[in-house]
């Protein structure tokens, strides 16, 4: 069984990895935005939509882990 400190450290590690993934994918989104110059282009791009959804999911998971860490304190 894991101790409370081990659980906290595990959450922190996962959170760091999610933040790193978010930063990397944000770079991809920024690049896509440069190429998709109009709002219509961005709205009609399936790939850009997927990237935005992934960023949203990562943000939700980062917030969830932050809330769990707060509860453990």
PDB file of N, CA and C in Angstrom:
ATOM      1  N   UNK A   1       0.846  -1.182   0.000  1.00  0.00           N
ATOM      2  CA  UNK A   1       0.000   0.000   0.000  1.00  0.00           C
ATOM      3  C   UNK A   1       0.887   1.240   0.000  1.00  0.00           C
ATOM      4  N   UNK A   2       0.457   2.256  -0.719  1.00  0.00           N
ATOM      5  CA  UNK A   2       1.236   3.487  -0.827  1.00  0.00           C
ATOM      6  C   UNK A   2       0.928   4.412   0.342  1.00  0.00           C
ATOM      7  N   UNK A   3       1.957   5.120   0.774  1.00  0.00           N
ATOM      8  CA  UNK A   3       1.757   6.105   1.834  1.00  0.00           C
ATOM      9  C   UNK A   3       1.175   7.381   1.214  1.00  0.00           C
ATOM     10  N   UNK A   4       0.684   8.267   2.058  1.00  0.00           N
ATOM     11  CA  UNK A   4       0.115   9.533   1.591  1.00  0.00           C
ATOM     12  C   UNK A   4       1.163  10.350   0.846  1.00  0.00           C
ATOM     13  N   UNK A   5       2.394  10.339   1.331  1.00  0.00           N
ATOM     14  CA  UNK A   5       3.461  11.083   0.660  1.00  0.00           C
ATOM     15  C   UNK A   5       3.777  10.495  -0.717  1.00  0.00           C
ATOM     16  N   UNK A   6       3.757   9.176  -0.820  1.00  0.00           N
ATOM     17  CA  UNK A   6       3.999   8.538  -2.116  1.00  0.00           C
ATOM     18  C   UNK A   6       2.878   8.863  -3.106  1.00  0.00           C
ATOM     19  N   UNK A   7       1.668   8.905  -2.625  1.00  0.00           N
ATOM     20  CA  UNK A   7       0.529   9.259  -3.473  1.00  0.00           C
ATOM     21  C   UNK A   7       0.670  10.690  -3.965  1.00  0.00           C
ATOM     22  N   UNK A   8       1.028  11.604  -3.062  1.00  0.00           N
ATOM     23  CA  UNK A   8       1.225  13.008  -3.444  1.00  0.00           C
ATOM     24  C   UNK A   8       2.311  13.135  -4.506  1.00  0.00           C
ATOM     25  N   UNK A   9       3.415  12.462  -4.297  1.00  0.00           N
ATOM     26  CA  UNK A   9       4.520  12.529  -5.258  1.00  0.00           C
ATOM     27  C   UNK A   9       4.108  11.938  -6.607  1.00  0.00           C
ATOM     28  N   UNK A  10       3.328  10.887  -6.584  1.00  0.00           N
ATOM     29  CA  UNK A  10       2.837  10.294  -7.829  1.00  0.00           C
ATOM     30  C   UNK A  10       1.943  11.270  -8.573  1.00  0.00           C
ATOM     31  N   UNK A  11       1.028  11.903  -7.858  1.00  0.00           N
ATOM     32  CA  UNK A  11       0.153  12.903  -8.474  1.00  0.00           C
ATOM     33  C   UNK A  11       0.974  14.052  -9.053  1.00  0.00           C
ATOM     34  N   UNK A  12       1.966  14.506  -8.300  1.00  0.00           N
ATOM     35  CA  UNK A  12       2.800  15.609  -8.779  1.00  0.00           C
ATOM     36  C   UNK A  12       3.545  15.223 -10.051  1.00  0.00           C
ATOM     37  N   UNK A  13       4.025  13.987 -10.112  1.00  0.00           N
ATOM     38  CA  UNK A  13       4.733  13.511 -11.290  1.00  0.00           C
ATOM     39  C   UNK A  13       3.802  13.450 -12.501  1.00  0.00           C
ATOM     40  N   UNK A  14       2.619  12.927 -12.301  1.00  0.00           N
ATOM     41  CA  UNK A  14       1.642  12.857 -13.393  1.00  0.00           C
ATOM     42  C   UNK A  14       1.275  14.263 -13.850  1.00  0.00           C
ATOM     43  N   UNK A  15       1.076  15.165 -12.898  1.00  0.00           N
ATOM     44  CA  UNK A  15       0.716  16.542 -13.236  1.00  0.00           C
ATOM     45  C   UNK A  15       1.819  17.193 -14.061  1.00  0.00           C
ATOM     46  N   UNK A  16       3.084  17.007 -13.671  1.00  0.00           N
ATOM     47  CA  UNK A  16       4.209  17.566 -14.430  1.00  0.00           C
ATOM     48  C   UNK A  16       4.213  17.025 -15.862  1.00  0.00           C
ATOM     49  N   UNK A  17       3.985  15.731 -16.005  1.00  0.00           N
ATOM     50  CA  UNK A  17       3.972  15.126 -17.336  1.00  0.00           C
ATOM     51  C   UNK A  17       2.817  15.653 -18.178  1.00  0.00           C
ATOM     52  N   UNK A  18       1.660  15.829 -17.565  1.00  0.00           N
ATOM     53  CA  UNK A  18       0.516  16.377 -18.294  1.00  0.00           C
ATOM     54  C   UNK A  18       0.782  17.817 -18.724  1.00  0.00           C
ATOM     55  N   UNK A  19       1.409  18.594 -17.854  1.00  0.00           N
ATOM     56  CA  UNK A  19       1.743  19.980 -18.197  1.00  0.00           C
ATOM     57  C   UNK A  19       2.745  20.016 -19.351  1.00  0.00           C
ATOM     58  N   UNK A  20       3.732  19.121 -19.326  1.00  0.00           N
ATOM     59  CA  UNK A  20       4.700  19.057 -20.422  1.00  0.00           C
ATOM     60  C   UNK A  20       4.012  18.687 -21.734  1.00  0.00           C
ATOM     61  N   UNK A  21       3.102  17.718 -21.681  1.00  0.00           N
ATOM     62  CA  UNK A  21       2.357  17.330 -22.881  1.00  0.00           C
ATOM     63  C   UNK A  21       1.516  18.503 -23.374  1.00  0.00           C
ATOM     64  N   UNK A  22       0.873  19.211 -22.452  1.00  0.00           N
ATOM     65  CA  UNK A  22       0.049  20.363 -22.816  1.00  0.00           C
ATOM     66  C   UNK A  22       0.905  21.425 -23.518  1.00  0.00           C
ATOM     67  N   UNK A  23       2.085  21.684 -22.985  1.00  0.00           N
ATOM     68  CA  UNK A  23       2.973  22.676 -23.589  1.00  0.00           C
ATOM     69  C   UNK A  23       3.383  22.265 -25.001  1.00  0.00           C
ATOM     70  N   UNK A  24       3.710  20.990 -25.182  1.00  0.00           N
ATOM     71  CA  UNK A  24       4.111  20.504 -26.499  1.00  0.00           C
ATOM     72  C   UNK A  24       2.971  20.599 -27.500  1.00  0.00           C
ATOM     73  N   UNK A  25       1.785  20.190 -27.086  1.00  0.00           N
ATOM     74  CA  UNK A  25       0.631  20.215 -27.978  1.00  0.00           C
ATOM     75  C   UNK A  25       0.189  21.647 -28.250  1.00  0.00           C
ATOM     76  N   UNK A  26       0.379  22.537 -27.290  1.00  0.00           N
ATOM     77  CA  UNK A  26       0.083  23.954 -27.523  1.00  0.00           C
ATOM     78  C   UNK A  26       0.960  24.502 -28.641  1.00  0.00           C
ATOM     79  N   UNK A  27       2.204  24.042 -28.697  1.00  0.00           N
ATOM     80  CA  UNK A  27       3.092  24.450 -29.778  1.00  0.00           C
ATOM     81  C   UNK A  27       2.567  24.005 -31.136  1.00  0.00           C
ATOM     82  N   UNK A  28       2.036  22.790 -31.178  1.00  0.00           N
ATOM     83  CA  UNK A  28       1.441  22.289 -32.416  1.00  0.00           C
ATOM     84  C   UNK A  28       0.222  23.134 -32.783  1.00  0.00           C
ATOM     85  N   UNK A  29      -0.611  23.435 -31.795  1.00  0.00           N
ATOM     86  CA  UNK A  29      -1.800  24.261 -32.047  1.00  0.00           C
ATOM     87  C   UNK A  29      -1.408  25.638 -32.559  1.00  0.00           C
ATOM     88  N   UNK A  30      -0.384  26.226 -31.979  1.00  0.00           N
ATOM     89  CA  UNK A  30       0.089  27.542 -32.432  1.00  0.00           C
ATOM     90  C   UNK A  30       0.553  27.482 -33.883  1.00  0.00           C
ATOM     91  N   UNK A  31       1.280  26.418 -34.221  1.00  0.00           N
ATOM     92  CA  UNK A  31       1.737  26.248 -35.600  1.00  0.00           C
ATOM     93  C   UNK A  31       0.546  26.111 -36.549  1.00  0.00           C
ATOM     94  N   UNK A  32      -0.430  25.322 -36.145  1.00  0.00           N
ATOM     95  CA  UNK A  32      -1.621  25.137 -36.985  1.00  0.00           C
ATOM     96  C   UNK A  32      -2.370  26.456 -37.157  1.00  0.00           C
ATOM     97  N   UNK A  33      -2.454  27.236 -36.087  1.00  0.00           N
ATOM     98  CA  UNK A  33      -3.142  28.531 -36.166  1.00  0.00           C
ATOM     99  C   UNK A  33      -2.451  29.469 -37.152  1.00  0.00           C
ATOM    100  N   UNK A  34      -1.129  29.397 -37.223  1.00  0.00           N
ATOM    101  CA  UNK A  34      -0.409  30.226 -38.191  1.00  0.00           C
ATOM    102  C   UNK A  34      -0.777  29.834 -39.623  1.00  0.00           C
ATOM    103  N   UNK A  35      -0.968  28.546 -39.825  1.00  0.00           N
ATOM    104  CA  UNK A  35      -1.297  28.051 -41.167  1.00  0.00           C
ATOM    105  C   UNK A  35      -2.774  28.250 -41.508  1.00  0.00           C
ATOM    106  N   UNK A  36      -3.625  28.145 -40.500  1.00  0.00           N
ATOM    107  CA  UNK A  36      -5.071  28.318 -40.700  1.00  0.00           C
ATOM    108  C   UNK A  36      -5.394  29.773 -40.363  1.00  0.00           C
ATOM    109  N   UNK A  37      -5.338  30.618 -41.352  1.00  0.00           N
ATOM    110  CA  UNK A  37      -5.346  32.060 -41.103  1.00  0.00           C
ATOM    111  C   UNK A  37      -6.717  32.646 -40.786  1.00  0.00           C
ATOM    112  N   UNK A  38      -7.790  31.978 -41.193  1.00  0.00           N
ATOM    113  CA  UNK A  38      -9.124  32.533 -40.928  1.00  0.00           C
ATOM    114  C   UNK A  38      -9.860  31.678 -39.911  1.00  0.00           C
ATOM    115  N   UNK A  39     -10.840  32.292 -39.285  1.00  0.00           N
ATOM    116  CA  UNK A  39     -11.675  31.557 -38.320  1.00  0.00           C
ATOM    117  C   UNK A  39     -12.389  30.401 -39.020  1.00  0.00           C
ATOM    118  N   UNK A  40     -12.800  30.619 -40.255  1.00  0.00           N
ATOM    119  CA  UNK A  40     -13.472  29.563 -41.023  1.00  0.00           C
ATOM    120  C   UNK A  40     -12.536  28.375 -41.229  1.00  0.00           C
ATOM    121  N   UNK A  41     -11.273  28.647 -41.584  1.00  0.00           N
ATOM    122  CA  UNK A  41     -10.305  27.569 -41.780  1.00  0.00           C
ATOM    123  C   UNK A  41     -10.126  26.761 -40.506  1.00  0.00           C
ATOM    124  N   UNK A  42     -10.011  27.449 -39.380  1.00  0.00           N
ATOM    125  CA  UNK A  42      -9.845  26.752 -38.102  1.00  0.00           C
ATOM    126  C   UNK A  42     -11.088  25.951 -37.747  1.00  0.00           C
ATOM    127  N   UNK A  43     -12.250  26.527 -37.994  1.00  0.00           N
ATOM    128  CA  UNK A  43     -13.504  25.847 -37.659  1.00  0.00           C
ATOM    129  C   UNK A  43     -13.733  24.617 -38.533  1.00  0.00           C
ATOM    130  N   UNK A  44     -13.235  24.638 -39.750  1.00  0.00           N
ATOM    131  CA  UNK A  44     -13.484  23.515 -40.658  1.00  0.00           C
ATOM    132  C   UNK A  44     -12.365  22.470 -40.643  1.00  0.00           C
ATOM    133  N   UNK A  45     -11.317  22.698 -39.890  1.00  0.00           N
ATOM    134  CA  UNK A  45     -10.209  21.748 -39.820  1.00  0.00           C
ATOM    135  C   UNK A  45     -10.460  20.706 -38.736  1.00  0.00           C
ATOM    136  N   UNK A  46     -10.636  19.438 -39.165  1.00  0.00           N
ATOM    137  CA  UNK A  46     -10.819  18.352 -38.194  1.00  0.00           C
ATOM    138  C   UNK A  46      -9.596  18.191 -37.311  1.00  0.00           C
ATOM    139  N   UNK A  47      -8.441  18.320 -37.907  1.00  0.00           N
ATOM    140  CA  UNK A  47      -7.194  18.126 -37.166  1.00  0.00           C
ATOM    141  C   UNK A  47      -7.025  19.187 -36.081  1.00  0.00           C
ATOM    142  N   UNK A  48      -7.298  20.429 -36.435  1.00  0.00           N
ATOM    143  CA  UNK A  48      -7.198  21.511 -35.456  1.00  0.00           C
ATOM    144  C   UNK A  48      -8.218  21.312 -34.335  1.00  0.00           C
ATOM    145  N   UNK A  49      -9.414  20.879 -34.688  1.00  0.00           N
ATOM    146  CA  UNK A  49     -10.437  20.591 -33.684  1.00  0.00           C
ATOM    147  C   UNK A  49      -9.990  19.512 -32.724  1.00  0.00           C
ATOM    148  N   UNK A  50      -9.349  18.492 -33.264  1.00  0.00           N
ATOM    149  CA  UNK A  50      -8.842  17.403 -32.418  1.00  0.00           C
ATOM    150  C   UNK A  50      -7.786  17.910 -31.450  1.00  0.00           C
ATOM    151  N   UNK A  51      -6.877  18.736 -31.955  1.00  0.00           N
ATOM    152  CA  UNK A  51      -5.820  19.299 -31.098  1.00  0.00           C
ATOM    153  C   UNK A  51      -6.448  20.123 -29.976  1.00  0.00           C
ATOM    154  N   UNK A  52      -7.449  20.926 -30.313  1.00  0.00           N
ATOM    155  CA  UNK A  52      -8.106  21.756 -29.293  1.00  0.00           C
ATOM    156  C   UNK A  52      -8.825  20.897 -28.252  1.00  0.00           C
ATOM    157  N   UNK A  53      -9.456  19.824 -28.695  1.00  0.00           N
ATOM    158  CA  UNK A  53     -10.126  18.928 -27.745  1.00  0.00           C
ATOM    159  C   UNK A  53      -9.119  18.260 -26.817  1.00  0.00           C
ATOM    160  N   UNK A  54      -7.998  17.841 -27.365  1.00  0.00           N
ATOM    161  CA  UNK A  54      -6.947  17.217 -26.551  1.00  0.00           C
ATOM    162  C   UNK A  54      -6.436  18.208 -25.507  1.00  0.00           C
ATOM    163  N   UNK A  55      -6.232  19.447 -25.904  1.00  0.00           N
ATOM    164  CA  UNK A  55      -5.784  20.466 -24.945  1.00  0.00           C
ATOM    165  C   UNK A  55      -6.815  20.648 -23.837  1.00  0.00           C
ATOM    166  N   UNK A  56      -8.090  20.652 -24.194  1.00  0.00           N
ATOM    167  CA  UNK A  56      -9.147  20.777 -23.193  1.00  0.00           C
ATOM    168  C   UNK A  56      -9.144  19.617 -22.212  1.00  0.00           C
ATOM    169  N   UNK A  57      -8.972  18.410 -22.738  1.00  0.00           N
ATOM    170  CA  UNK A  57      -8.931  17.224 -21.876  1.00  0.00           C
ATOM    171  C   UNK A  57      -7.732  17.296 -20.931  1.00  0.00           C
ATOM    172  N   UNK A  58      -6.583  17.685 -21.455  1.00  0.00           N
ATOM    173  CA  UNK A  58      -5.395  17.813 -20.607  1.00  0.00           C
ATOM    174  C   UNK A  58      -5.609  18.851 -19.515  1.00  0.00           C
ATOM    175  N   UNK A  59      -6.215  19.971 -19.858  1.00  0.00           N
ATOM    176  CA  UNK A  59      -6.488  21.010 -18.861  1.00  0.00           C
ATOM    177  C   UNK A  59      -7.423  20.499 -17.775  1.00  0.00           C
ATOM    178  N   UNK A  60      -8.436  19.724 -18.169  1.00  0.00           N
ATOM    179  CA  UNK A  60      -9.356  19.151 -17.176  1.00  0.00           C
ATOM    180  C   UNK A  60      -8.631  18.191 -16.248  1.00  0.00           C
ATOM    181  N   UNK A  61      -7.762  17.365 -16.807  1.00  0.00           N
ATOM    182  CA  UNK A  61      -7.034  16.391 -15.993  1.00  0.00           C
ATOM    183  C   UNK A  61      -6.041  17.075 -15.060  1.00  0.00           C
ATOM    184  N   UNK A  62      -5.384  18.122 -15.540  1.00  0.00           N
ATOM    185  CA  UNK A  62      -4.454  18.873 -14.688  1.00  0.00           C
ATOM    186  C   UNK A  62      -5.217  19.502 -13.529  1.00  0.00           C
ATOM    187  N   UNK A  63      -6.384  20.079 -13.820  1.00  0.00           N
ATOM    188  CA  UNK A  63      -7.200  20.683 -12.758  1.00  0.00           C
ATOM    189  C   UNK A  63      -7.677  19.625 -11.776  1.00  0.00           C
ATOM    190  N   UNK A  64      -8.064  18.466 -12.276  1.00  0.00           N
ATOM    191  CA  UNK A  64      -8.532  17.388 -11.407  1.00  0.00           C
ATOM    192  C   UNK A  64      -7.434  16.927 -10.451  1.00  0.00           C
ATOM    193  N   UNK A  65      -6.232  16.754 -10.982  1.00  0.00           N
ATOM    194  CA  UNK A  65      -5.119  16.328 -10.131  1.00  0.00           C
ATOM    195  C   UNK A  65      -4.780  17.418  -9.121  1.00  0.00           C
ATOM    196  N   UNK A  66      -4.831  18.680  -9.544  1.00  0.00           N
ATOM    197  CA  UNK A  66      -4.574  19.778  -8.607  1.00  0.00           C
ATOM    198  C   UNK A  66      -5.585  19.756  -7.464  1.00  0.00           C
ATOM    199  N   UNK A  67      -6.843  19.502  -7.797  1.00  0.00           N
ATOM    200  CA  UNK A  67      -7.880  19.426  -6.752  1.00  0.00           C
ATOM    201  C   UNK A  67      -7.629  18.252  -5.825  1.00  0.00           C
ATOM    202  N   UNK A  68      -7.231  17.124  -6.358  1.00  0.00           N
ATOM    203  CA  UNK A  68      -6.951  15.956  -5.517  1.00  0.00           C
ATOM    204  C   UNK A  68      -5.759  16.224  -4.606  1.00  0.00           C
ATOM    205  N   UNK A  69      -4.749  16.903  -5.133  1.00  0.00           N
ATOM    206  CA  UNK A  69      -3.589  17.246  -4.293  1.00  0.00           C
ATOM    207  C   UNK A  69      -3.991  18.187  -3.168  1.00  0.00           C
ATOM    208  N   UNK A  70      -4.864  19.131  -3.465  1.00  0.00           N
ATOM    209  CA  UNK A  70      -5.339  20.062  -2.443  1.00  0.00           C
ATOM    210  C   UNK A  70      -6.096  19.316  -1.341  1.00  0.00           C
ATOM    211  N   UNK A  71      -6.891  18.349  -1.735  1.00  0.00           N
ATOM    212  CA  UNK A  71      -7.641  17.554  -0.752  1.00  0.00           C
ATOM    213  C   UNK A  71      -6.732  16.702   0.117  1.00  0.00           C
ATOM    214  N   UNK A  72      -5.605  16.275  -0.415  1.00  0.00           N
ATOM    215  CA  UNK A  72      -4.683  15.430   0.349  1.00  0.00           C
ATOM    216  C   UNK A  72      -3.868  16.212   1.374  1.00  0.00           C
ATOM    217  N   UNK A  73      -3.796  17.513   1.222  1.00  0.00           N
ATOM    218  CA  UNK A  73      -2.998  18.322   2.141  1.00  0.00           C
ATOM    219  C   UNK A  73      -3.653  18.492   3.470  1.00  0.00           C
TER     220      UNK A  73
END
